[in-house]
């Protein structure tokens, strides 16, 4: 699916955090304070349930004057940050296995198989 040229939409609240980050940060190499502003933006994107994707963030950053390669790296950090928050909050990221749940399901299946086997004298 081709990417739209329309800029991604940010809610008014989230736009405030994004604009604060891009207007006060070094666009070629983030200072530790800049990273704090970016993490704050990521946190608010999550709490506001933003649907922005990694590709949206990259496009927004490029539009704001970040080099394409650097915007890609920051967009990757955004994606990882959102995933870390989801894991911290108890959800399992795409492709990951909840080992506790998997062990529980294996135990239940073994108990069922054992009960079936005992019923038939196996």
PDB file of N, CA and C in Angstrom:
ATOM      1  N   UNK A   1       0.840  -1.171   0.000  1.00  0.00           N
ATOM      2  CA  UNK A   1       0.000   0.000   0.000  1.00  0.00           C
ATOM      3  C   UNK A   1       0.889   1.240   0.000  1.00  0.00           C
ATOM      4  N   UNK A   2       0.715   2.159  -0.947  1.00  0.00           N
ATOM      5  CA  UNK A   2       1.576   3.334  -1.012  1.00  0.00           C
ATOM      6  C   UNK A   2       1.298   4.289   0.140  1.00  0.00           C
ATOM      7  N   UNK A   3       2.355   4.965   0.575  1.00  0.00           N
ATOM      8  CA  UNK A   3       2.208   5.924   1.660  1.00  0.00           C
ATOM      9  C   UNK A   3       1.537   7.182   1.144  1.00  0.00           C
ATOM     10  N   UNK A   4       0.654   7.718   1.935  1.00  0.00           N
ATOM     11  CA  UNK A   4      -0.011   8.963   1.603  1.00  0.00           C
ATOM     12  C   UNK A   4       0.953  10.114   1.834  1.00  0.00           C
ATOM     13  N   UNK A   5       0.813  11.181   1.042  1.00  0.00           N
ATOM     14  CA  UNK A   5       1.653  12.362   1.240  1.00  0.00           C
ATOM     15  C   UNK A   5       1.083  13.288   2.302  1.00  0.00           C
ATOM     16  N   UNK A   6      -0.154  13.031   2.722  1.00  0.00           N
ATOM     17  CA  UNK A   6      -0.762  13.847   3.763  1.00  0.00           C
ATOM     18  C   UNK A   6      -0.028  13.615   5.073  1.00  0.00           C
ATOM     19  N   UNK A   7       0.260  14.697   5.800  1.00  0.00           N
ATOM     20  CA  UNK A   7       0.957  14.507   7.071  1.00  0.00           C
ATOM     21  C   UNK A   7       0.081  13.756   8.066  1.00  0.00           C
ATOM     22  N   UNK A   8       0.692  12.892   8.888  1.00  0.00           N
ATOM     23  CA  UNK A   8      -0.075  12.177   9.908  1.00  0.00           C
ATOM     24  C   UNK A   8      -0.699  13.178  10.877  1.00  0.00           C
ATOM     25  N   UNK A   9      -1.840  12.816  11.396  1.00  0.00           N
ATOM     26  CA  UNK A   9      -2.567  13.697  12.319  1.00  0.00           C
ATOM     27  C   UNK A   9      -2.155  13.402  13.758  1.00  0.00           C
ATOM     28  N   UNK A  10      -1.875  14.452  14.491  1.00  0.00           N
ATOM     29  CA  UNK A  10      -1.617  14.359  15.917  1.00  0.00           C
ATOM     30  C   UNK A  10      -2.741  15.086  16.623  1.00  0.00           C
ATOM     31  N   UNK A  11      -3.186  14.538  17.739  1.00  0.00           N
ATOM     32  CA  UNK A  11      -4.194  15.242  18.532  1.00  0.00           C
ATOM     33  C   UNK A  11      -3.579  16.550  19.014  1.00  0.00           C
ATOM     34  N   UNK A  12      -4.424  17.479  19.407  1.00  0.00           N
ATOM     35  CA  UNK A  12      -3.931  18.778  19.894  1.00  0.00           C
ATOM     36  C   UNK A  12      -2.984  18.597  21.079  1.00  0.00           C
ATOM     37  N   UNK A  13      -3.317  17.675  21.988  1.00  0.00           N
ATOM     38  CA  UNK A  13      -2.463  17.438  23.160  1.00  0.00           C
ATOM     39  C   UNK A  13      -1.111  16.859  22.744  1.00  0.00           C
ATOM     40  N   UNK A  14      -1.153  15.866  21.867  1.00  0.00           N
ATOM     41  CA  UNK A  14       0.094  15.228  21.458  1.00  0.00           C
ATOM     42  C   UNK A  14       0.945  16.176  20.613  1.00  0.00           C
ATOM     43  N   UNK A  15       0.311  16.985  19.803  1.00  0.00           N
ATOM     44  CA  UNK A  15       1.030  17.962  18.977  1.00  0.00           C
ATOM     45  C   UNK A  15       1.854  18.891  19.852  1.00  0.00           C
ATOM     46  N   UNK A  16       1.306  19.267  20.996  1.00  0.00           N
ATOM     47  CA  UNK A  16       2.015  20.146  21.932  1.00  0.00           C
ATOM     48  C   UNK A  16       3.349  19.509  22.355  1.00  0.00           C
ATOM     49  N   UNK A  17       3.336  18.221  22.694  1.00  0.00           N
ATOM     50  CA  UNK A  17       4.560  17.532  23.120  1.00  0.00           C
ATOM     51  C   UNK A  17       5.527  17.346  21.956  1.00  0.00           C
ATOM     52  N   UNK A  18       4.986  17.042  20.781  1.00  0.00           N
ATOM     53  CA  UNK A  18       5.843  16.868  19.606  1.00  0.00           C
ATOM     54  C   UNK A  18       6.516  18.189  19.249  1.00  0.00           C
ATOM     55  N   UNK A  19       5.744  19.276  19.212  1.00  0.00           N
ATOM     56  CA  UNK A  19       6.298  20.572  18.856  1.00  0.00           C
ATOM     57  C   UNK A  19       7.343  21.028  19.866  1.00  0.00           C
ATOM     58  N   UNK A  20       7.100  20.759  21.136  1.00  0.00           N
ATOM     59  CA  UNK A  20       8.091  21.120  22.152  1.00  0.00           C
ATOM     60  C   UNK A  20       9.394  20.371  21.893  1.00  0.00           C
ATOM     61  N   UNK A  21       9.287  19.083  21.581  1.00  0.00           N
ATOM     62  CA  UNK A  21      10.491  18.295  21.295  1.00  0.00           C
ATOM     63  C   UNK A  21      11.228  18.845  20.079  1.00  0.00           C
ATOM     64  N   UNK A  22      10.533  18.989  18.941  1.00  0.00           N
ATOM     65  CA  UNK A  22      11.230  19.370  17.710  1.00  0.00           C
ATOM     66  C   UNK A  22      11.712  20.818  17.723  1.00  0.00           C
ATOM     67  N   UNK A  23      11.026  21.681  18.435  1.00  0.00           N
ATOM     68  CA  UNK A  23      11.423  23.096  18.414  1.00  0.00           C
ATOM     69  C   UNK A  23      12.584  23.406  19.353  1.00  0.00           C
ATOM     70  N   UNK A  24      12.848  22.528  20.323  1.00  0.00           N
ATOM     71  CA  UNK A  24      13.903  22.817  21.298  1.00  0.00           C
ATOM     72  C   UNK A  24      15.067  21.826  21.243  1.00  0.00           C
ATOM     73  N   UNK A  25      15.022  20.880  20.314  1.00  0.00           N
ATOM     74  CA  UNK A  25      16.045  19.832  20.276  1.00  0.00           C
ATOM     75  C   UNK A  25      17.063  20.064  19.170  1.00  0.00           C
ATOM     76  N   UNK A  26      18.264  19.543  19.403  1.00  0.00           N
ATOM     77  CA  UNK A  26      19.303  19.543  18.390  1.00  0.00           C
ATOM     78  C   UNK A  26      18.924  18.493  17.353  1.00  0.00           C
ATOM     79  N   UNK A  27      18.721  18.886  16.124  1.00  0.00           N
ATOM     80  CA  UNK A  27      18.203  17.974  15.097  1.00  0.00           C
ATOM     81  C   UNK A  27      19.263  17.062  14.483  1.00  0.00           C
ATOM     82  N   UNK A  28      20.516  17.256  14.847  1.00  0.00           N
ATOM     83  CA  UNK A  28      21.546  16.374  14.286  1.00  0.00           C
ATOM     84  C   UNK A  28      22.105  15.393  15.314  1.00  0.00           C
ATOM     85  N   UNK A  29      22.004  15.730  16.603  1.00  0.00           N
ATOM     86  CA  UNK A  29      22.479  14.826  17.644  1.00  0.00           C
ATOM     87  C   UNK A  29      21.815  15.236  18.949  1.00  0.00           C
ATOM     88  N   UNK A  30      20.944  14.388  19.465  1.00  0.00           N
ATOM     89  CA  UNK A  30      20.182  14.747  20.647  1.00  0.00           C
ATOM     90  C   UNK A  30      21.047  14.803  21.890  1.00  0.00           C
ATOM     91  N   UNK A  31      20.835  15.825  22.667  1.00  0.00           N
ATOM     92  CA  UNK A  31      21.431  16.016  23.979  1.00  0.00           C
ATOM     93  C   UNK A  31      20.606  15.173  24.963  1.00  0.00           C
ATOM     94  N   UNK A  32      21.160  14.763  26.102  1.00  0.00           N
ATOM     95  CA  UNK A  32      20.355  13.995  27.064  1.00  0.00           C
ATOM     96  C   UNK A  32      19.016  14.652  27.411  1.00  0.00           C
ATOM     97  N   UNK A  33      18.980  15.980  27.516  1.00  0.00           N
ATOM     98  CA  UNK A  33      17.707  16.657  27.780  1.00  0.00           C
ATOM     99  C   UNK A  33      16.732  16.469  26.615  1.00  0.00           C
ATOM    100  N   UNK A  34      17.277  16.448  25.393  1.00  0.00           N
ATOM    101  CA  UNK A  34      16.426  16.230  24.215  1.00  0.00           C
ATOM    102  C   UNK A  34      15.825  14.832  24.253  1.00  0.00           C
ATOM    103  N   UNK A  35      16.633  13.856  24.662  1.00  0.00           N
ATOM    104  CA  UNK A  35      16.117  12.496  24.764  1.00  0.00           C
ATOM    105  C   UNK A  35      14.969  12.441  25.761  1.00  0.00           C
ATOM    106  N   UNK A  36      15.112  13.157  26.858  1.00  0.00           N
ATOM    107  CA  UNK A  36      14.043  13.209  27.850  1.00  0.00           C
ATOM    108  C   UNK A  36      12.752  13.751  27.246  1.00  0.00           C
ATOM    109  N   UNK A  37      12.854  14.769  26.411  1.00  0.00           N
ATOM    110  CA  UNK A  37      11.670  15.333  25.746  1.00  0.00           C
ATOM    111  C   UNK A  37      11.066  14.325  24.772  1.00  0.00           C
ATOM    112  N   UNK A  38      11.940  13.580  24.084  1.00  0.00           N
ATOM    113  CA  UNK A  38      11.442  12.582  23.135  1.00  0.00           C
ATOM    114  C   UNK A  38      10.748  11.438  23.883  1.00  0.00           C
ATOM    115  N   UNK A  39      11.341  10.990  24.983  1.00  0.00           N
ATOM    116  CA  UNK A  39      10.711   9.941  25.785  1.00  0.00           C
ATOM    117  C   UNK A  39       9.375  10.424  26.345  1.00  0.00           C
ATOM    118  N   UNK A  40       9.319  11.677  26.729  1.00  0.00           N
ATOM    119  CA  UNK A  40       8.078  12.259  27.217  1.00  0.00           C
ATOM    120  C   UNK A  40       7.018  12.237  26.106  1.00  0.00           C
ATOM    121  N   UNK A  41       7.424  12.561  24.890  1.00  0.00           N
ATOM    122  CA  UNK A  41       6.510  12.494  23.749  1.00  0.00           C
ATOM    123  C   UNK A  41       6.012  11.060  23.556  1.00  0.00           C
ATOM    124  N   UNK A  42       6.918  10.085  23.618  1.00  0.00           N
ATOM    125  CA  UNK A  42       6.538   8.679  23.451  1.00  0.00           C
ATOM    126  C   UNK A  42       5.538   8.275  24.540  1.00  0.00           C
ATOM    127  N   UNK A  43       5.825   8.644  25.762  1.00  0.00           N
ATOM    128  CA  UNK A  43       4.939   8.309  26.872  1.00  0.00           C
ATOM    129  C   UNK A  43       3.546   8.899  26.659  1.00  0.00           C
ATOM    130  N   UNK A  44       3.490  10.136  26.228  1.00  0.00           N
ATOM    131  CA  UNK A  44       2.190  10.770  26.000  1.00  0.00           C
ATOM    132  C   UNK A  44       1.488  10.172  24.776  1.00  0.00           C
ATOM    133  N   UNK A  45       2.247   9.804  23.755  1.00  0.00           N
ATOM    134  CA  UNK A  45       1.635   9.146  22.592  1.00  0.00           C
ATOM    135  C   UNK A  45       0.946   7.867  23.042  1.00  0.00           C
ATOM    136  N   UNK A  46       1.595   7.162  23.950  1.00  0.00           N
ATOM    137  CA  UNK A  46       0.995   5.921  24.454  1.00  0.00           C
ATOM    138  C   UNK A  46      -0.235   6.204  25.312  1.00  0.00           C
ATOM    139  N   UNK A  47      -0.098   7.119  26.251  1.00  0.00           N
ATOM    140  CA  UNK A  47      -1.222   7.382  27.165  1.00  0.00           C
ATOM    141  C   UNK A  47      -2.418   7.987  26.436  1.00  0.00           C
ATOM    142  N   UNK A  48      -2.170   8.695  25.345  1.00  0.00           N
ATOM    143  CA  UNK A  48      -3.261   9.272  24.553  1.00  0.00           C
ATOM    144  C   UNK A  48      -3.762   8.300  23.479  1.00  0.00           C
ATOM    145  N   UNK A  49      -3.209   7.088  23.500  1.00  0.00           N
ATOM    146  CA  UNK A  49      -3.603   6.025  22.566  1.00  0.00           C
ATOM    147  C   UNK A  49      -3.446   6.438  21.102  1.00  0.00           C
ATOM    148  N   UNK A  50      -2.339   7.091  20.830  1.00  0.00           N
ATOM    149  CA  UNK A  50      -2.051   7.532  19.470  1.00  0.00           C
ATOM    150  C   UNK A  50      -1.897   6.332  18.544  1.00  0.00           C
ATOM    151  N   UNK A  51      -2.377   6.475  17.346  1.00  0.00           N
ATOM    152  CA  UNK A  51      -2.260   5.427  16.334  1.00  0.00           C
ATOM    153  C   UNK A  51      -1.062   5.666  15.420  1.00  0.00           C
ATOM    154  N   UNK A  52      -0.201   6.626  15.776  1.00  0.00           N
ATOM    155  CA  UNK A  52       0.958   6.936  14.948  1.00  0.00           C
ATOM    156  C   UNK A  52       1.881   5.728  14.849  1.00  0.00           C
ATOM    157  N   UNK A  53       2.289   5.446  13.643  1.00  0.00           N
ATOM    158  CA  UNK A  53       3.211   4.349  13.392  1.00  0.00           C
ATOM    159  C   UNK A  53       4.634   4.876  13.289  1.00  0.00           C
ATOM    160  N   UNK A  54       5.569   3.967  13.284  1.00  0.00           N
ATOM    161  CA  UNK A  54       6.972   4.311  13.126  1.00  0.00           C
ATOM    162  C   UNK A  54       7.184   5.149  11.863  1.00  0.00           C
ATOM    163  N   UNK A  55       6.538   4.754  10.768  1.00  0.00           N
ATOM    164  CA  UNK A  55       6.687   5.487   9.503  1.00  0.00           C
ATOM    165  C   UNK A  55       6.108   6.898   9.595  1.00  0.00           C
ATOM    166  N   UNK A  56       5.046   7.067  10.383  1.00  0.00           N
ATOM    167  CA  UNK A  56       4.458   8.402  10.580  1.00  0.00           C
ATOM    168  C   UNK A  56       5.436   9.308  11.317  1.00  0.00           C
ATOM    169  N   UNK A  57       6.052   8.767  12.352  1.00  0.00           N
ATOM    170  CA  UNK A  57       7.000   9.545  13.148  1.00  0.00           C
ATOM    171  C   UNK A  57       8.178   9.961  12.279  1.00  0.00           C
ATOM    172  N   UNK A  58       8.677   9.039  11.492  1.00  0.00           N
ATOM    173  CA  UNK A  58       9.800   9.361  10.606  1.00  0.00           C
ATOM    174  C   UNK A  58       9.424  10.516   9.680  1.00  0.00           C
ATOM    175  N   UNK A  59       8.260  10.420   9.061  1.00  0.00           N
ATOM    176  CA  UNK A  59       7.840  11.480   8.140  1.00  0.00           C
ATOM    177  C   UNK A  59       7.697  12.820   8.844  1.00  0.00           C
ATOM    178  N   UNK A  60       7.100  12.804  10.033  1.00  0.00           N
ATOM    179  CA  UNK A  60       6.946  14.047  10.790  1.00  0.00           C
ATOM    180  C   UNK A  60       8.304  14.670  11.138  1.00  0.00           C
ATOM    181  N   UNK A  61       9.239  13.825  11.547  1.00  0.00           N
ATOM    182  CA  UNK A  61      10.563  14.331  11.913  1.00  0.00           C
ATOM    183  C   UNK A  61      11.296  14.908  10.705  1.00  0.00           C
ATOM    184  N   UNK A  62      11.207  14.231   9.574  1.00  0.00           N
ATOM    185  CA  UNK A  62      11.841  14.746   8.349  1.00  0.00           C
ATOM    186  C   UNK A  62      11.216  16.089   7.982  1.00  0.00           C
ATOM    187  N   UNK A  63       9.902  16.184   8.084  1.00  0.00           N
ATOM    188  CA  UNK A  63       9.220  17.447   7.780  1.00  0.00           C
ATOM    189  C   UNK A  63       9.668  18.572   8.708  1.00  0.00           C
ATOM    190  N   UNK A  64      10.108  18.208   9.897  1.00  0.00           N
ATOM    191  CA  UNK A  64      10.552  19.200  10.879  1.00  0.00           C
ATOM    192  C   UNK A  64      12.052  19.473  10.797  1.00  0.00           C
ATOM    193  N   UNK A  65      12.748  18.900   9.813  1.00  0.00           N
ATOM    194  CA  UNK A  65      14.144  19.228   9.591  1.00  0.00           C
ATOM    195  C   UNK A  65      15.163  18.208  10.048  1.00  0.00           C
ATOM    196  N   UNK A  66      14.730  17.046  10.520  1.00  0.00           N
ATOM    197  CA  UNK A  66      15.672  15.998  10.895  1.00  0.00           C
ATOM    198  C   UNK A  66      16.129  15.282   9.626  1.00  0.00           C
ATOM    199  N   UNK A  67      17.412  14.918   9.565  1.00  0.00           N
ATOM    200  CA  UNK A  67      17.911  14.124   8.436  1.00  0.00           C
ATOM    201  C   UNK A  67      17.162  12.804   8.372  1.00  0.00           C
ATOM    202  N   UNK A  68      16.984  12.289   7.171  1.00  0.00           N
ATOM    203  CA  UNK A  68      16.210  11.060   6.966  1.00  0.00           C
ATOM    204  C   UNK A  68      16.742   9.895   7.801  1.00  0.00           C
ATOM    205  N   UNK A  69      18.048   9.700   7.790  1.00  0.00           N
ATOM    206  CA  UNK A  69      18.644   8.586   8.537  1.00  0.00           C
ATOM    207  C   UNK A  69      18.407   8.750  10.043  1.00  0.00           C
ATOM    208  N   UNK A  70      18.576   9.963  10.541  1.00  0.00           N
ATOM    209  CA  UNK A  70      18.383  10.215  11.969  1.00  0.00           C
ATOM    210  C   UNK A  70      16.910  10.084  12.334  1.00  0.00           C
ATOM    211  N   UNK A  71      16.027  10.557  11.460  1.00  0.00           N
ATOM    212  CA  UNK A  71      14.585  10.426  11.685  1.00  0.00           C
ATOM    213  C   UNK A  71      14.196   8.945  11.752  1.00  0.00           C
ATOM    214  N   UNK A  72      14.827   8.116  10.923  1.00  0.00           N
ATOM    215  CA  UNK A  72      14.566   6.667  10.951  1.00  0.00           C
ATOM    216  C   UNK A  72      14.966   6.077  12.291  1.00  0.00           C
ATOM    217  N   UNK A  73      16.126   6.484  12.788  1.00  0.00           N
ATOM    218  CA  UNK A  73      16.589   5.971  14.075  1.00  0.00           C
ATOM    219  C   UNK A  73      15.651   6.394  15.205  1.00  0.00           C
ATOM    220  N   UNK A  74      15.230   7.641  15.191  1.00  0.00           N
ATOM    221  CA  UNK A  74      14.317   8.122  16.229  1.00  0.00           C
ATOM    222  C   UNK A  74      12.961   7.430  16.128  1.00  0.00           C
ATOM    223  N   UNK A  75      12.494   7.205  14.910  1.00  0.00           N
ATOM    224  CA  UNK A  75      11.219   6.507  14.723  1.00  0.00           C
ATOM    225  C   UNK A  75      11.321   5.084  15.260  1.00  0.00           C
ATOM    226  N   UNK A  76      12.483   4.469  15.093  1.00  0.00           N
ATOM    227  CA  UNK A  76      12.703   3.128  15.634  1.00  0.00           C
ATOM    228  C   UNK A  76      12.657   3.164  17.168  1.00  0.00           C
ATOM    229  N   UNK A  77      13.264   4.171  17.763  1.00  0.00           N
ATOM    230  CA  UNK A  77      13.219   4.329  19.221  1.00  0.00           C
ATOM    231  C   UNK A  77      11.771   4.524  19.661  1.00  0.00           C
ATOM    232  N   UNK A  78      11.007   5.320  18.910  1.00  0.00           N
ATOM    233  CA  UNK A  78       9.582   5.525  19.221  1.00  0.00           C
ATOM    234  C   UNK A  78       8.849   4.184  19.248  1.00  0.00           C
ATOM    235  N   UNK A  79       9.060   3.376  18.217  1.00  0.00           N
ATOM    236  CA  UNK A  79       8.383   2.083  18.133  1.00  0.00           C
ATOM    237  C   UNK A  79       8.782   1.183  19.307  1.00  0.00           C
ATOM    238  N   UNK A  80      10.070   1.125  19.594  1.00  0.00           N
ATOM    239  CA  UNK A  80      10.539   0.298  20.714  1.00  0.00           C
ATOM    240  C   UNK A  80       9.992   0.822  22.039  1.00  0.00           C
ATOM    241  N   UNK A  81       9.961   2.130  22.195  1.00  0.00           N
ATOM    242  CA  UNK A  81       9.429   2.714  23.422  1.00  0.00           C
ATOM    243  C   UNK A  81       7.978   2.340  23.642  1.00  0.00           C
ATOM    244  N   UNK A  82       7.177   2.418  22.576  1.00  0.00           N
ATOM    245  CA  UNK A  82       5.768   2.049  22.693  1.00  0.00           C
ATOM    246  C   UNK A  82       5.627   0.573  23.057  1.00  0.00           C
ATOM    247  N   UNK A  83       6.467  -0.280  22.481  1.00  0.00           N
ATOM    248  CA  UNK A  83       6.409  -1.713  22.787  1.00  0.00           C
ATOM    249  C   UNK A  83       6.819  -1.993  24.230  1.00  0.00           C
ATOM    250  N   UNK A  84       7.839  -1.291  24.707  1.00  0.00           N
ATOM    251  CA  UNK A  84       8.281  -1.472  26.093  1.00  0.00           C
ATOM    252  C   UNK A  84       7.165  -1.085  27.053  1.00  0.00           C
ATOM    253  N   UNK A  85       6.495   0.003  26.774  1.00  0.00           N
ATOM    254  CA  UNK A  85       5.389   0.435  27.634  1.00  0.00           C
ATOM    255  C   UNK A  85       4.287  -0.619  27.657  1.00  0.00           C
ATOM    256  N   UNK A  86       3.976  -1.190  26.483  1.00  0.00           N
ATOM    257  CA  UNK A  86       2.930  -2.224  26.442  1.00  0.00           C
ATOM    258  C   UNK A  86       3.331  -3.432  27.276  1.00  0.00           C
ATOM    259  N   UNK A  87       4.583  -3.849  27.189  1.00  0.00           N
ATOM    260  CA  UNK A  87       5.044  -4.987  27.986  1.00  0.00           C
ATOM    261  C   UNK A  87       4.993  -4.632  29.465  1.00  0.00           C
ATOM    262  N   UNK A  88       5.453  -3.458  29.815  1.00  0.00           N
ATOM    263  CA  UNK A  88       5.435  -3.017  31.210  1.00  0.00           C
ATOM    264  C   UNK A  88       4.009  -3.009  31.755  1.00  0.00           C
ATOM    265  N   UNK A  89       3.068  -2.622  30.907  1.00  0.00           N
ATOM    266  CA  UNK A  89       1.669  -2.572  31.325  1.00  0.00           C
ATOM    267  C   UNK A  89       0.974  -3.924  31.264  1.00  0.00           C
ATOM    268  N   UNK A  90       1.706  -4.966  30.884  1.00  0.00           N
ATOM    269  CA  UNK A  90       1.160  -6.306  30.956  1.00  0.00           C
ATOM    270  C   UNK A  90       0.706  -6.925  29.657  1.00  0.00           C
ATOM    271  N   UNK A  91       0.822  -6.219  28.552  1.00  0.00           N
ATOM    272  CA  UNK A  91       0.435  -6.850  27.296  1.00  0.00           C
ATOM    273  C   UNK A  91       1.668  -7.464  26.640  1.00  0.00           C
ATOM    274  N   UNK A  92       1.430  -8.406  25.769  1.00  0.00           N
ATOM    275  CA  UNK A  92       2.507  -9.139  25.110  1.00  0.00           C
ATOM    276  C   UNK A  92       2.681  -8.570  23.707  1.00  0.00           C
ATOM    277  N   UNK A  93       3.901  -8.199  23.304  1.00  0.00           N
ATOM    278  CA  UNK A  93       4.106  -7.641  21.974  1.00  0.00           C
ATOM    279  C   UNK A  93       3.876  -8.677  20.878  1.00  0.00           C
ATOM    280  N   UNK A  94       3.623  -8.183  19.686  1.00  0.00           N
ATOM    281  CA  UNK A  94       3.401  -9.058  18.534  1.00  0.00           C
ATOM    282  C   UNK A  94       4.549 -10.051  18.394  1.00  0.00           C
ATOM    283  N   UNK A  95       4.213 -11.305  18.188  1.00  0.00           N
ATOM    284  CA  UNK A  95       5.222 -12.326  17.935  1.00  0.00           C
ATOM    285  C   UNK A  95       5.848 -12.915  19.187  1.00  0.00           C
ATOM    286  N   UNK A  96       5.611 -12.302  20.342  1.00  0.00           N
ATOM    287  CA  UNK A  96       6.200 -12.817  21.582  1.00  0.00           C
ATOM    288  C   UNK A  96       5.276 -13.853  22.191  1.00  0.00           C
ATOM    289  N   UNK A  97       5.845 -14.696  23.025  1.00  0.00           N
ATOM    290  CA  UNK A  97       5.072 -15.737  23.698  1.00  0.00           C
ATOM    291  C   UNK A  97       5.038 -15.417  25.176  1.00  0.00           C
ATOM    292  N   UNK A  98       3.852 -15.449  25.759  1.00  0.00           N
ATOM    293  CA  UNK A  98       3.702 -15.292  27.198  1.00  0.00           C
ATOM    294  C   UNK A  98       4.053 -16.644  27.808  1.00  0.00           C
ATOM    295  N   UNK A  99       5.280 -16.770  28.300  1.00  0.00           N
ATOM    296  CA  UNK A  99       5.778 -18.061  28.787  1.00  0.00           C
ATOM    297  C   UNK A  99       4.946 -18.589  29.943  1.00  0.00           C
ATOM    298  N   UNK A 100       4.499 -17.726  30.826  1.00  0.00           N
ATOM    299  CA  UNK A 100       3.669 -18.170  31.946  1.00  0.00           C
ATOM    300  C   UNK A 100       2.363 -18.769  31.459  1.00  0.00           C
ATOM    301  N   UNK A 101       1.734 -18.088  30.512  1.00  0.00           N
ATOM    302  CA  UNK A 101       0.465 -18.581  29.953  1.00  0.00           C
ATOM    303  C   UNK A 101       0.688 -19.882  29.189  1.00  0.00           C
ATOM    304  N   UNK A 102       1.767 -19.953  28.415  1.00  0.00           N
ATOM    305  CA  UNK A 102       2.063 -21.162  27.642  1.00  0.00           C
ATOM    306  C   UNK A 102       2.302 -22.350  28.578  1.00  0.00           C
ATOM    307  N   UNK A 103       3.037 -22.151  29.699  1.00  0.00           N
ATOM    308  CA  UNK A 103       3.297 -23.229  30.658  1.00  0.00           C
ATOM    309  C   UNK A 103       1.995 -23.688  31.305  1.00  0.00           C
ATOM    310  N   UNK A 104       1.130 -22.745  31.638  1.00  0.00           N
ATOM    311  CA  UNK A 104      -0.173 -23.076  32.230  1.00  0.00           C
ATOM    312  C   UNK A 104      -0.996 -23.918  31.254  1.00  0.00           C
ATOM    313  N   UNK A 105      -1.042 -23.514  29.999  1.00  0.00           N
ATOM    314  CA  UNK A 105      -1.816 -24.259  28.998  1.00  0.00           C
ATOM    315  C   UNK A 105      -1.244 -25.656  28.775  1.00  0.00           C
ATOM    316  N   UNK A 106       0.097 -25.788  28.802  1.00  0.00           N
ATOM    317  CA  UNK A 106       0.721 -27.114  28.666  1.00  0.00           C
ATOM    318  C   UNK A 106       0.334 -28.005  29.843  1.00  0.00           C
ATOM    319  N   UNK A 107       0.360 -27.444  31.060  1.00  0.00           N
ATOM    320  CA  UNK A 107       0.008 -28.213  32.248  1.00  0.00           C
ATOM    321  C   UNK A 107      -1.445 -28.680  32.187  1.00  0.00           C
ATOM    322  N   UNK A 108      -2.340 -27.803  31.782  1.00  0.00           N
ATOM    323  CA  UNK A 108      -3.759 -28.170  31.661  1.00  0.00           C
ATOM    324  C   UNK A 108      -3.921 -29.273  30.613  1.00  0.00           C
ATOM    325  N   UNK A 109      -3.230 -29.137  29.510  1.00  0.00           N
ATOM    326  CA  UNK A 109      -3.315 -30.155  28.447  1.00  0.00           C
ATOM    327  C   UNK A 109      -2.771 -31.488  28.948  1.00  0.00           C
ATOM    328  N   UNK A 110      -1.674 -31.463  29.695  1.00  0.00           N
ATOM    329  CA  UNK A 110      -1.110 -32.698  30.242  1.00  0.00           C
ATOM    330  C   UNK A 110      -2.077 -33.334  31.236  1.00  0.00           C
ATOM    331  N   UNK A 111      -2.693 -32.513  32.061  1.00  0.00           N
ATOM    332  CA  UNK A 111      -3.665 -33.043  33.020  1.00  0.00           C
ATOM    333  C   UNK A 111      -4.852 -33.672  32.292  1.00  0.00           C
ATOM    334  N   UNK A 112      -5.312 -33.024  31.247  1.00  0.00           N
ATOM    335  CA  UNK A 112      -6.416 -33.589  30.465  1.00  0.00           C
ATOM    336  C   UNK A 112      -6.017 -34.917  29.838  1.00  0.00           C
ATOM    337  N   UNK A 113      -4.818 -34.952  29.272  1.00  0.00           N
ATOM    338  CA  UNK A 113      -4.342 -36.188  28.640  1.00  0.00           C
ATOM    339  C   UNK A 113      -4.163 -37.289  29.682  1.00  0.00           C
ATOM    340  N   UNK A 114      -3.674 -36.918  30.863  1.00  0.00           N
ATOM    341  CA  UNK A 114      -3.507 -37.884  31.935  1.00  0.00           C
ATOM    342  C   UNK A 114      -4.855 -38.432  32.382  1.00  0.00           C
ATOM    343  N   UNK A 115      -5.851 -37.561  32.501  1.00  0.00           N
ATOM    344  CA  UNK A 115      -7.190 -37.991  32.909  1.00  0.00           C
ATOM    345  C   UNK A 115      -7.788 -38.899  31.857  1.00  0.00           C
ATOM    346  N   UNK A 116      -7.587 -38.582  30.614  1.00  0.00           N
ATOM    347  CA  UNK A 116      -8.122 -39.406  29.529  1.00  0.00           C
ATOM    348  C   UNK A 116      -7.401 -40.747  29.534  1.00  0.00           C
ATOM    349  N   UNK A 117      -6.075 -40.747  29.675  1.00  0.00           N
ATOM    350  CA  UNK A 117      -5.318 -41.971  29.689  1.00  0.00           C
ATOM    351  C   UNK A 117      -5.718 -42.856  30.884  1.00  0.00           C
ATOM    352  N   UNK A 118      -5.936 -42.249  32.063  1.00  0.00           N
ATOM    353  CA  UNK A 118      -6.335 -43.037  33.241  1.00  0.00           C
ATOM    354  C   UNK A 118      -7.710 -43.620  33.066  1.00  0.00           C
ATOM    355  N   UNK A 119      -8.588 -42.913  32.421  1.00  0.00           N
ATOM    356  CA  UNK A 119      -9.937 -43.398  32.220  1.00  0.00           C
ATOM    357  C   UNK A 119      -9.959 -44.666  31.353  1.00  0.00           C
ATOM    358  N   UNK A 120      -9.011 -44.750  30.451  1.00  0.00           N
ATOM    359  CA  UNK A 120      -8.969 -45.880  29.540  1.00  0.00           C
ATOM    360  C   UNK A 120      -7.897 -46.902  29.935  1.00  0.00           C
ATOM    361  N   UNK A 121      -7.365 -46.743  31.147  1.00  0.00           N
ATOM    362  CA  UNK A 121      -6.423 -47.716  31.650  1.00  0.00           C
ATOM    363  C   UNK A 121      -5.058 -47.645  30.988  1.00  0.00           C
ATOM    364  N   UNK A 122      -4.670 -46.516  30.542  1.00  0.00           N
ATOM    365  CA  UNK A 122      -3.340 -46.370  29.898  1.00  0.00           C
ATOM    366  C   UNK A 122      -2.341 -45.828  30.839  1.00  0.00           C
TER     367      UNK A 122
END
